[in-house]
Amino acid sequence: MGVAMGTASARQTSNMADHKPPLKHSDAIAAELEAARAEHERWMEASDIYAGNTPDKYLSKIERCAQEVTRLERLLSYLRERGE
């Protein structure tokens, strides 16, 4: 039993040394927002260079990305107002 307790204690010490402070929820959302904006920009660029017969080919993807950007912007604003 003493060995198991010593091992657990050593593991706890190791985990404490490796522990990094968790990201604030708003930081994670900000990272998601950045990725969503980049995806939106990629679809906008794809639409701009598309020369095919279907002018609205990328429209649904662009709209979906724009909605996600808006959702994340609102969520981030809300979280920052609350200090999260």
N, C-alpha and C. Protein backbone atom coordinates (compact mmCIF):
# COMPACT_ATOMS: atom_id res chain seq x y z
N MET A 1 0.82 -1.19 0.00
CA MET A 1 0.00 0.00 0.00
C MET A 1 0.87 1.26 0.00
N GLY A 2 1.99 1.22 0.69
CA GLY A 2 2.89 2.36 0.73
C GLY A 2 3.45 2.71 -0.63
N VAL A 3 3.72 1.70 -1.45
CA VAL A 3 4.27 1.95 -2.77
C VAL A 3 3.24 2.66 -3.64
N ALA A 4 2.01 2.22 -3.59
CA ALA A 4 0.96 2.82 -4.41
C ALA A 4 0.76 4.28 -4.03
N MET A 5 0.80 4.57 -2.73
CA MET A 5 0.61 5.95 -2.30
C MET A 5 1.77 6.81 -2.76
N GLY A 6 2.98 6.28 -2.67
CA GLY A 6 4.15 7.03 -3.12
C GLY A 6 4.09 7.32 -4.60
N THR A 7 3.61 6.35 -5.38
CA THR A 7 3.49 6.53 -6.82
C THR A 7 2.45 7.60 -7.14
N ALA A 8 1.33 7.55 -6.45
CA ALA A 8 0.28 8.54 -6.68
C ALA A 8 0.78 9.93 -6.32
N SER A 9 1.52 10.01 -5.22
CA SER A 9 2.04 11.31 -4.80
C SER A 9 3.04 11.85 -5.83
N ALA A 10 3.88 10.97 -6.36
CA ALA A 10 4.84 11.38 -7.37
C ALA A 10 4.11 11.85 -8.63
N ARG A 11 3.05 11.16 -8.99
CA ARG A 11 2.26 11.54 -10.16
C ARG A 11 1.63 12.92 -9.95
N GLN A 12 1.11 13.16 -8.76
CA GLN A 12 0.50 14.45 -8.48
C GLN A 12 1.53 15.57 -8.60
N THR A 13 2.71 15.36 -8.07
CA THR A 13 3.77 16.37 -8.14
C THR A 13 4.14 16.62 -9.60
N SER A 14 4.26 15.55 -10.38
CA SER A 14 4.59 15.68 -11.78
C SER A 14 3.50 16.45 -12.53
N ASN A 15 2.24 16.12 -12.25
CA ASN A 15 1.13 16.80 -12.92
C ASN A 15 1.09 18.27 -12.54
N MET A 16 1.43 18.60 -11.32
CA MET A 16 1.42 19.98 -10.88
C MET A 16 2.51 20.77 -11.61
N ALA A 17 3.65 20.14 -11.83
CA ALA A 17 4.75 20.82 -12.52
C ALA A 17 4.40 21.04 -14.00
N ASP A 18 3.68 20.10 -14.60
CA ASP A 18 3.32 20.20 -16.01
C ASP A 18 2.05 21.03 -16.23
N HIS A 19 1.36 21.34 -15.16
CA HIS A 19 0.07 22.02 -15.27
C HIS A 19 0.25 23.45 -15.76
N LYS A 20 -0.50 23.79 -16.79
CA LYS A 20 -0.52 25.15 -17.30
C LYS A 20 -1.88 25.73 -16.94
N PRO A 21 -1.94 27.01 -16.68
CA PRO A 21 -3.24 27.59 -16.36
C PRO A 21 -4.19 27.40 -17.53
N PRO A 22 -5.43 27.05 -17.27
CA PRO A 22 -6.38 26.83 -18.37
C PRO A 22 -6.67 28.14 -19.09
N LEU A 23 -6.94 28.01 -20.37
CA LEU A 23 -7.33 29.18 -21.14
C LEU A 23 -8.68 29.67 -20.64
N LYS A 24 -8.86 30.97 -20.67
CA LYS A 24 -10.16 31.50 -20.36
C LYS A 24 -11.10 31.09 -21.49
N HIS A 25 -12.35 30.93 -21.17
CA HIS A 25 -13.32 30.52 -22.17
C HIS A 25 -13.32 31.49 -23.35
N SER A 26 -13.17 32.78 -23.07
CA SER A 26 -13.17 33.77 -24.15
C SER A 26 -11.95 33.61 -25.06
N ASP A 27 -10.83 33.14 -24.50
CA ASP A 27 -9.64 32.91 -25.33
C ASP A 27 -9.89 31.78 -26.33
N ALA A 28 -10.56 30.74 -25.88
CA ALA A 28 -10.87 29.62 -26.77
C ALA A 28 -11.83 30.06 -27.86
N ILE A 29 -12.82 30.86 -27.50
CA ILE A 29 -13.79 31.36 -28.48
C ILE A 29 -13.10 32.30 -29.47
N ALA A 30 -12.17 33.11 -28.98
CA ALA A 30 -11.43 34.01 -29.87
C ALA A 30 -10.64 33.20 -30.91
N ALA A 31 -10.06 32.09 -30.48
CA ALA A 31 -9.33 31.23 -31.42
C ALA A 31 -10.29 30.62 -32.45
N GLU A 32 -11.46 30.19 -31.99
CA GLU A 32 -12.47 29.65 -32.92
C GLU A 32 -12.91 30.72 -33.91
N LEU A 33 -13.08 31.94 -33.41
CA LEU A 33 -13.50 33.05 -34.26
C LEU A 33 -12.46 33.33 -35.34
N GLU A 34 -11.21 33.32 -34.96
CA GLU A 34 -10.14 33.54 -35.93
C GLU A 34 -10.17 32.47 -37.02
N ALA A 35 -10.37 31.22 -36.63
CA ALA A 35 -10.44 30.13 -37.60
C ALA A 35 -11.67 30.28 -38.50
N ALA A 36 -12.79 30.68 -37.93
CA ALA A 36 -14.02 30.86 -38.71
C ALA A 36 -13.86 32.00 -39.71
N ARG A 37 -13.21 33.07 -39.30
CA ARG A 37 -12.96 34.18 -40.23
C ARG A 37 -12.06 33.75 -41.38
N ALA A 38 -11.05 32.95 -41.06
CA ALA A 38 -10.13 32.46 -42.10
C ALA A 38 -10.88 31.56 -43.09
N GLU A 39 -11.75 30.70 -42.57
CA GLU A 39 -12.53 29.82 -43.46
C GLU A 39 -13.46 30.65 -44.34
N HIS A 40 -14.10 31.65 -43.77
CA HIS A 40 -14.98 32.52 -44.54
C HIS A 40 -14.20 33.20 -45.66
N GLU A 41 -13.03 33.69 -45.33
CA GLU A 41 -12.18 34.36 -46.33
C GLU A 41 -11.79 33.39 -47.45
N ARG A 42 -11.47 32.14 -47.10
CA ARG A 42 -11.11 31.15 -48.12
C ARG A 42 -12.27 30.92 -49.09
N TRP A 43 -13.49 30.81 -48.55
CA TRP A 43 -14.64 30.58 -49.44
C TRP A 43 -14.93 31.82 -50.29
N MET A 44 -14.72 33.00 -49.73
CA MET A 44 -14.91 34.23 -50.51
C MET A 44 -13.91 34.27 -51.66
N GLU A 45 -12.66 33.92 -51.38
CA GLU A 45 -11.64 33.90 -52.43
C GLU A 45 -11.96 32.85 -53.49
N ALA A 46 -12.43 31.68 -53.05
CA ALA A 46 -12.80 30.62 -54.00
C ALA A 46 -13.92 31.11 -54.91
N SER A 47 -14.87 31.82 -54.34
CA SER A 47 -15.98 32.35 -55.12
C SER A 47 -15.48 33.40 -56.12
N ASP A 48 -14.56 34.23 -55.68
CA ASP A 48 -14.04 35.29 -56.55
C ASP A 48 -13.31 34.74 -57.77
N ILE A 49 -12.60 33.62 -57.61
CA ILE A 49 -11.82 33.09 -58.73
C ILE A 49 -12.58 32.03 -59.53
N TYR A 50 -13.76 31.65 -59.07
CA TYR A 50 -14.55 30.64 -59.78
C TYR A 50 -15.04 31.21 -61.11
N ALA A 51 -14.83 30.46 -62.17
CA ALA A 51 -15.22 30.93 -63.50
C ALA A 51 -16.22 29.99 -64.17
N GLY A 52 -16.91 29.20 -63.38
CA GLY A 52 -17.83 28.22 -63.95
C GLY A 52 -19.21 28.81 -64.26
N ASN A 53 -20.12 27.91 -64.60
CA ASN A 53 -21.47 28.30 -65.01
C ASN A 53 -22.45 28.45 -63.85
N THR A 54 -22.02 28.20 -62.64
CA THR A 54 -22.90 28.26 -61.49
C THR A 54 -22.44 29.41 -60.59
N PRO A 55 -22.99 30.61 -60.79
CA PRO A 55 -22.49 31.77 -60.06
C PRO A 55 -22.67 31.68 -58.54
N ASP A 56 -23.65 30.94 -58.08
CA ASP A 56 -23.91 30.83 -56.64
C ASP A 56 -23.32 29.56 -56.03
N LYS A 57 -22.35 28.99 -56.69
CA LYS A 57 -21.80 27.70 -56.26
C LYS A 57 -21.36 27.72 -54.80
N TYR A 58 -20.71 28.78 -54.35
CA TYR A 58 -20.16 28.83 -53.00
C TYR A 58 -21.03 29.64 -52.03
N LEU A 59 -22.16 30.10 -52.49
CA LEU A 59 -22.99 30.99 -51.69
C LEU A 59 -23.41 30.38 -50.36
N SER A 60 -23.86 29.14 -50.36
CA SER A 60 -24.32 28.54 -49.11
C SER A 60 -23.18 28.37 -48.11
N LYS A 61 -21.99 28.04 -48.60
CA LYS A 61 -20.83 27.91 -47.71
C LYS A 61 -20.42 29.27 -47.14
N ILE A 62 -20.47 30.28 -47.99
CA ILE A 62 -20.13 31.63 -47.55
C ILE A 62 -21.12 32.11 -46.49
N GLU A 63 -22.40 31.88 -46.73
CA GLU A 63 -23.43 32.29 -45.77
C GLU A 63 -23.29 31.54 -44.45
N ARG A 64 -23.02 30.24 -44.54
CA ARG A 64 -22.84 29.44 -43.32
C ARG A 64 -21.67 29.96 -42.51
N CYS A 65 -20.57 30.25 -43.18
CA CYS A 65 -19.38 30.76 -42.48
C CYS A 65 -19.65 32.14 -41.89
N ALA A 66 -20.35 32.98 -42.62
CA ALA A 66 -20.68 34.31 -42.11
C ALA A 66 -21.56 34.22 -40.87
N GLN A 67 -22.51 33.30 -40.87
CA GLN A 67 -23.36 33.10 -39.70
C GLN A 67 -22.54 32.62 -38.50
N GLU A 68 -21.59 31.74 -38.74
CA GLU A 68 -20.73 31.24 -37.66
C GLU A 68 -19.85 32.36 -37.11
N VAL A 69 -19.32 33.19 -37.99
CA VAL A 69 -18.51 34.33 -37.53
C VAL A 69 -19.36 35.25 -36.65
N THR A 70 -20.56 35.55 -37.10
CA THR A 70 -21.46 36.42 -36.32
C THR A 70 -21.78 35.79 -34.98
N ARG A 71 -22.09 34.51 -34.96
CA ARG A 71 -22.41 33.81 -33.71
C ARG A 71 -21.24 33.90 -32.74
N LEU A 72 -20.04 33.63 -33.23
CA LEU A 72 -18.87 33.65 -32.37
C LEU A 72 -18.54 35.06 -31.90
N GLU A 73 -18.73 36.06 -32.76
CA GLU A 73 -18.50 37.45 -32.34
C GLU A 73 -19.43 37.84 -31.20
N ARG A 74 -20.69 37.46 -31.33
CA ARG A 74 -21.66 37.76 -30.26
C ARG A 74 -21.32 37.03 -28.98
N LEU A 75 -20.96 35.77 -29.10
CA LEU A 75 -20.60 34.99 -27.92
C LEU A 75 -19.37 35.56 -27.24
N LEU A 76 -18.38 35.94 -28.02
CA LEU A 76 -17.16 36.51 -27.46
C LEU A 76 -17.46 37.84 -26.76
N SER A 77 -18.28 38.66 -27.36
CA SER A 77 -18.66 39.93 -26.74
C SER A 77 -19.36 39.68 -25.41
N TYR A 78 -20.28 38.73 -25.41
CA TYR A 78 -21.01 38.38 -24.18
C TYR A 78 -20.05 37.90 -23.09
N LEU A 79 -19.13 37.02 -23.45
CA LEU A 79 -18.19 36.48 -22.46
C LEU A 79 -17.26 37.56 -21.93
N ARG A 80 -16.82 38.45 -22.78
CA ARG A 80 -15.93 39.53 -22.33
C ARG A 80 -16.67 40.51 -21.41
N GLU A 81 -17.93 40.76 -21.70
CA GLU A 81 -18.73 41.62 -20.81
C GLU A 81 -18.83 40.99 -19.41
N ARG A 82 -18.92 39.68 -19.37
CA ARG A 82 -19.01 38.98 -18.08
C ARG A 82 -17.64 38.75 -17.44
N GLY A 83 -16.58 39.06 -18.16
CA GLY A 83 -15.24 38.88 -17.62
C GLY A 83 -14.74 37.45 -17.67
N GLU A 84 -15.28 36.68 -18.57
CA GLU A 84 -14.87 35.27 -18.69
C GLU A 84 -13.80 35.12 -19.73
